[in-house]
């Protein structure tokens, strides 16, 4: 599976990605609103890369795409899709290395993946984020997601209750 944009390649993870994955996922600013706690040791990253590489994007469950920068061929992040068992809807999540944020890479990767998912016949893509994660919420709205809800003190993570913001995008909205 390979998706290309002018600046990025979305591809399957490879064994050589473990060090870069460990580096950006170990950054506290990157992990702040994510489910993992830094640091992510290289040994754990090797296991993650192995699991990511074994996934099948056409089967229900999570599939994680590696985001590679075309110019320097570096792994700069990852984007995950959780395909529901009905094969018509999915959930989306993304992570980008701190030094690559603010340049439109995440927007570019999300748009490419949404195009691919909707071309493959999906009807709906959902996303949620910590209400304090304003940058992710703005990105989702920028690419067309609609704000669908707010769940106060919904998720217990990293020792605190956090509010969740819910987003959704229908294929008709994407095409429109």
Protein backbone atom coordinates (compact mmCIF):
# COMPACT_ATOMS: atom_id res chain seq x y z
CA UNK A 1 0.00 0.00 0.00
CA UNK A 2 1.47 3.27 -1.10
CA UNK A 3 -0.12 6.71 -1.24
CA UNK A 4 1.83 9.67 -2.55
CA UNK A 5 1.41 13.41 -2.26
CA UNK A 6 3.70 16.14 -3.56
CA UNK A 7 5.79 15.99 -0.36
CA UNK A 8 4.92 12.71 1.35
CA UNK A 9 4.72 8.96 0.93
CA UNK A 10 2.24 7.00 3.06
CA UNK A 11 3.44 3.43 3.17
CA UNK A 12 3.66 0.27 5.20
CA UNK A 13 6.11 0.35 8.11
CA UNK A 14 9.55 -1.25 7.62
CA UNK A 15 12.05 -2.59 10.21
CA UNK A 16 14.34 0.41 9.64
CA UNK A 17 11.61 2.75 10.94
CA UNK A 18 11.96 1.69 14.58
CA UNK A 19 14.58 4.26 15.63
CA UNK A 20 12.69 7.21 14.13
CA UNK A 21 9.39 5.96 15.59
CA UNK A 22 11.00 5.66 19.03
CA UNK A 23 12.46 9.16 18.71
CA UNK A 24 9.30 11.07 17.84
CA UNK A 25 7.02 9.01 20.09
CA UNK A 26 9.45 9.63 22.99
CA UNK A 27 9.02 13.38 22.70
CA UNK A 28 6.73 14.53 25.57
CA UNK A 29 5.21 17.25 23.38
CA UNK A 30 4.21 14.65 20.77
CA UNK A 31 2.90 12.17 23.35
CA UNK A 32 0.97 14.82 25.32
CA UNK A 33 -2.48 13.99 23.93
CA UNK A 34 -1.75 10.40 22.88
CA UNK A 35 -2.41 7.14 24.69
CA UNK A 36 1.24 6.22 25.27
CA UNK A 37 3.65 7.58 27.86
CA UNK A 38 7.16 8.57 26.77
CA UNK A 39 9.80 7.47 26.42
CA UNK A 40 9.18 4.73 23.88
CA UNK A 41 12.27 2.49 24.03
CA UNK A 42 13.74 1.23 20.78
CA UNK A 43 12.86 -2.33 21.77
CA UNK A 44 9.19 -1.34 22.11
CA UNK A 45 9.36 0.56 18.81
CA UNK A 46 10.72 -2.57 17.09
CA UNK A 47 7.67 -4.47 18.33
CA UNK A 48 5.31 -1.69 17.22
CA UNK A 49 6.88 -1.54 13.76
CA UNK A 50 6.61 -5.31 13.43
CA UNK A 51 2.92 -5.21 14.43
CA UNK A 52 2.18 -2.23 12.16
CA UNK A 53 3.88 -3.94 9.20
CA UNK A 54 1.83 -7.11 9.70
CA UNK A 55 -1.51 -5.30 9.48
CA UNK A 56 -3.89 -5.39 6.54
CA UNK A 57 -5.56 -2.07 5.63
CA UNK A 58 -8.46 -3.94 3.97
CA UNK A 59 -9.40 -5.87 7.12
CA UNK A 60 -11.29 -4.61 10.19
CA UNK A 61 -9.07 -3.20 12.91
CA UNK A 62 -6.27 -0.68 13.11
CA UNK A 63 -3.77 -0.16 10.32
CA UNK A 64 -0.92 2.28 10.81
CA UNK A 65 0.64 4.04 7.81
CA UNK A 66 4.19 5.37 8.00
CA UNK A 67 4.48 8.99 6.84
CA UNK A 68 7.74 9.44 4.96
CA UNK A 69 9.05 12.77 3.66
CA UNK A 70 9.80 12.45 -0.06
CA UNK A 71 12.90 14.66 -0.12
CA UNK A 72 14.93 13.26 2.77
CA UNK A 73 13.19 9.82 2.93
CA UNK A 74 12.80 10.19 6.70
CA UNK A 75 9.93 8.81 8.75
CA UNK A 76 8.18 11.91 10.11
CA UNK A 77 5.04 10.43 11.62
CA UNK A 78 2.25 7.92 11.33
CA UNK A 79 -1.44 7.90 10.59
CA UNK A 80 -3.81 5.21 11.78
CA UNK A 81 -7.12 3.99 10.42
CA UNK A 82 -9.46 1.76 12.39
CA UNK A 83 -11.70 0.06 9.82
CA UNK A 84 -15.00 -1.05 11.33
CA UNK A 85 -16.30 -4.58 10.78
CA UNK A 86 -18.92 -3.28 8.33
CA UNK A 87 -16.07 -2.07 6.03
CA UNK A 88 -18.00 1.16 5.43
CA UNK A 89 -16.69 3.41 8.19
CA UNK A 90 -13.45 4.08 9.99
CA UNK A 91 -11.80 6.07 12.76
CA UNK A 92 -8.71 8.17 12.13
CA UNK A 93 -5.72 9.19 14.24
CA UNK A 94 -2.38 10.82 13.45
CA UNK A 95 0.99 11.63 15.00
CA UNK A 96 3.72 13.85 13.61
CA UNK A 97 7.25 14.48 14.85
CA UNK A 98 7.47 17.82 16.67
CA UNK A 99 10.09 19.25 14.29
CA UNK A 100 7.77 18.55 11.32
CA UNK A 101 4.63 20.11 12.78
CA UNK A 102 3.24 23.41 11.53
CA UNK A 103 4.26 22.82 7.89
CA UNK A 104 1.06 21.27 6.55
CA UNK A 105 2.40 17.70 6.47
CA UNK A 106 -0.34 16.28 8.69
CA UNK A 107 -3.02 18.04 6.64
CA UNK A 108 -1.49 16.65 3.44
CA UNK A 109 -1.32 13.11 4.85
CA UNK A 110 -4.88 13.19 6.21
CA UNK A 111 -6.28 14.53 2.92
CA UNK A 112 -4.50 11.84 0.91
CA UNK A 113 -5.75 9.10 3.19
CA UNK A 114 -9.31 10.43 3.22
CA UNK A 115 -9.34 10.51 -0.59
CA UNK A 116 -8.13 6.92 -0.65
CA UNK A 117 -10.65 5.73 1.94
CA UNK A 118 -13.60 7.36 0.22
CA UNK A 119 -12.46 6.05 -3.19
CA UNK A 120 -12.40 2.57 -1.63
CA UNK A 121 -16.09 2.89 -0.76
CA UNK A 122 -16.11 4.13 2.82
CA UNK A 123 -19.18 6.12 3.80
CA UNK A 124 -17.93 7.80 6.98
CA UNK A 125 -14.69 8.62 8.80
CA UNK A 126 -14.70 9.68 12.46
CA UNK A 127 -12.04 11.20 14.68
CA UNK A 128 -11.82 12.34 18.27
CA UNK A 129 -9.28 14.25 20.25
CA UNK A 130 -8.58 15.66 23.67
CA UNK A 131 -10.42 18.98 23.86
CA UNK A 132 -7.15 20.71 24.77
CA UNK A 133 -5.55 19.52 21.53
CA UNK A 134 -6.62 22.59 19.59
CA UNK A 135 -4.16 22.03 16.73
CA UNK A 136 -5.55 18.58 15.92
CA UNK A 137 -9.13 19.84 16.14
CA UNK A 138 -8.29 22.68 13.74
CA UNK A 139 -6.64 20.26 11.32
CA UNK A 140 -9.72 18.03 11.30
CA UNK A 141 -11.99 20.99 10.61
CA UNK A 142 -9.62 22.33 7.95
CA UNK A 143 -9.90 19.09 5.95
CA UNK A 144 -13.70 19.05 6.21
CA UNK A 145 -14.63 17.20 9.39
CA UNK A 146 -17.72 18.46 11.17
CA UNK A 147 -17.80 18.98 14.94
CA UNK A 148 -20.27 16.38 16.22
CA UNK A 149 -19.98 16.40 19.95
CA UNK A 150 -18.26 17.15 23.20
CA UNK A 151 -17.91 14.61 26.01
CA UNK A 152 -16.87 16.21 29.31
CA UNK A 153 -14.53 14.20 31.55
CA UNK A 154 -15.00 11.19 29.29
CA UNK A 155 -11.56 9.60 29.09
CA UNK A 156 -9.31 8.63 32.00
CA UNK A 157 -5.77 8.91 30.67
CA UNK A 158 -2.40 9.60 32.23
CA UNK A 159 -3.92 10.11 35.65
CA UNK A 160 -6.67 12.58 34.77
CA UNK A 161 -10.14 12.82 33.29
CA UNK A 162 -10.10 14.62 29.95
CA UNK A 163 -12.80 16.03 27.71
CA UNK A 164 -13.17 14.55 24.22
CA UNK A 165 -14.22 16.37 21.07
CA UNK A 166 -15.88 14.28 18.35
CA UNK A 167 -15.66 14.85 14.61
CA UNK A 168 -17.16 13.13 11.57
CA UNK A 169 -16.92 13.33 7.81
CA UNK A 170 -19.34 11.74 5.34
CA UNK A 171 -18.36 10.90 1.80
CA UNK A 172 -20.96 13.41 0.52
CA UNK A 173 -19.32 16.18 2.53
CA UNK A 174 -15.89 15.17 1.22
CA UNK A 175 -17.04 15.27 -2.40
CA UNK A 176 -18.97 18.50 -1.87
